[in-house]
């Protein structure tokens, strides 16, 4: 699953906001994450992926395991809601 959103925050502010979202997810769904440059790599039960950040965009690339594939619409919606809340100005 790929979700891309443009922004006008700059890479530094976008990274700070993505970090806030990741911290919340780590608490809620036992997600583990680590930064590698301007990419946040994450993994958890049944999902893994990365969030790439540039000066003007954020892109989620998520691989869902078989058990979560049926929940893709709900997961996509949750990611879009988080982007709307934390990235949109």
Protein backbone atom coordinates (compact mmCIF):
# COMPACT_ATOMS: atom_id res chain seq x y z
CA UNK A 1 0.00 0.00 0.00
CA UNK A 2 1.37 3.39 -0.98
CA UNK A 3 0.06 6.71 0.32
CA UNK A 4 1.68 10.01 -0.70
CA UNK A 5 0.80 13.43 0.63
CA UNK A 6 2.32 16.76 -0.34
CA UNK A 7 2.97 19.41 2.31
CA UNK A 8 4.62 22.80 2.72
CA UNK A 9 6.14 22.20 6.16
CA UNK A 10 9.72 21.53 5.15
CA UNK A 11 11.48 18.25 5.92
CA UNK A 12 12.43 19.13 9.51
CA UNK A 13 8.88 19.98 10.65
CA UNK A 14 7.37 17.08 8.70
CA UNK A 15 9.82 14.71 10.38
CA UNK A 16 8.89 16.03 13.83
CA UNK A 17 5.19 15.51 13.12
CA UNK A 18 5.73 12.00 11.72
CA UNK A 19 7.72 11.20 14.87
CA UNK A 20 4.71 12.22 17.00
CA UNK A 21 2.45 9.91 15.01
CA UNK A 22 4.96 7.05 15.24
CA UNK A 23 5.26 7.45 19.01
CA UNK A 24 1.50 7.13 19.37
CA UNK A 25 1.40 4.05 17.16
CA UNK A 26 4.24 2.43 19.09
CA UNK A 27 2.12 2.67 22.23
CA UNK A 28 -1.14 1.56 20.61
CA UNK A 29 -0.11 -1.36 18.40
CA UNK A 30 3.35 -2.45 19.56
CA UNK A 31 4.99 -0.91 16.53
CA UNK A 32 8.77 -0.60 16.51
CA UNK A 33 10.46 2.07 14.43
CA UNK A 34 13.86 3.56 13.68
CA UNK A 35 15.09 6.45 11.58
CA UNK A 36 17.50 5.87 8.71
CA UNK A 37 18.26 9.29 7.32
CA UNK A 38 14.96 10.84 6.25
CA UNK A 39 13.11 7.51 6.32
CA UNK A 40 11.28 6.07 9.27
CA UNK A 41 11.32 2.27 9.03
CA UNK A 42 8.72 0.41 11.06
CA UNK A 43 7.64 -3.13 11.80
CA UNK A 44 4.98 -4.71 13.90
CA UNK A 45 2.65 -7.70 14.03
CA UNK A 46 1.70 -8.33 10.42
CA UNK A 47 3.01 -5.12 8.88
CA UNK A 48 6.24 -3.41 7.94
CA UNK A 49 7.24 -0.47 5.84
CA UNK A 50 8.74 2.98 5.72
CA UNK A 51 7.80 6.63 5.68
CA UNK A 52 9.93 8.77 3.37
CA UNK A 53 10.09 12.49 4.03
CA UNK A 54 11.18 15.25 1.67
CA UNK A 55 10.86 19.04 1.84
CA UNK A 56 7.46 18.85 0.16
CA UNK A 57 6.05 15.32 0.55
CA UNK A 58 5.54 12.35 2.83
CA UNK A 59 5.16 8.87 1.41
CA UNK A 60 4.05 5.77 3.29
CA UNK A 61 4.95 2.38 1.84
CA UNK A 62 3.32 -0.37 3.87
CA UNK A 63 3.49 -4.12 3.37
CA UNK A 64 0.67 -5.98 5.07
CA UNK A 65 0.89 -9.61 6.02
CA UNK A 66 -1.84 -12.01 4.96
CA UNK A 67 -3.81 -11.60 8.19
CA UNK A 68 -4.04 -7.81 7.75
CA UNK A 69 -4.79 -7.70 4.02
CA UNK A 70 -8.53 -7.81 4.67
CA UNK A 71 -8.15 -4.73 6.84
CA UNK A 72 -6.34 -2.64 4.20
CA UNK A 73 -9.23 -0.16 3.72
CA UNK A 74 -9.40 0.53 7.47
CA UNK A 75 -5.62 0.83 7.76
CA UNK A 76 -5.49 3.16 4.74
CA UNK A 77 -8.24 5.28 6.30
CA UNK A 78 -6.38 5.45 9.63
CA UNK A 79 -3.17 6.58 7.91
CA UNK A 80 -5.05 9.23 5.93
CA UNK A 81 -6.77 10.45 9.12
CA UNK A 82 -3.42 10.72 10.91
CA UNK A 83 -2.00 12.67 7.97
CA UNK A 84 -5.02 14.98 7.98
CA UNK A 85 -4.65 15.60 11.70
CA UNK A 86 -0.88 15.96 11.98
CA UNK A 87 0.37 17.08 8.57
CA UNK A 88 -2.37 19.27 7.14
CA UNK A 89 -2.15 22.85 8.23
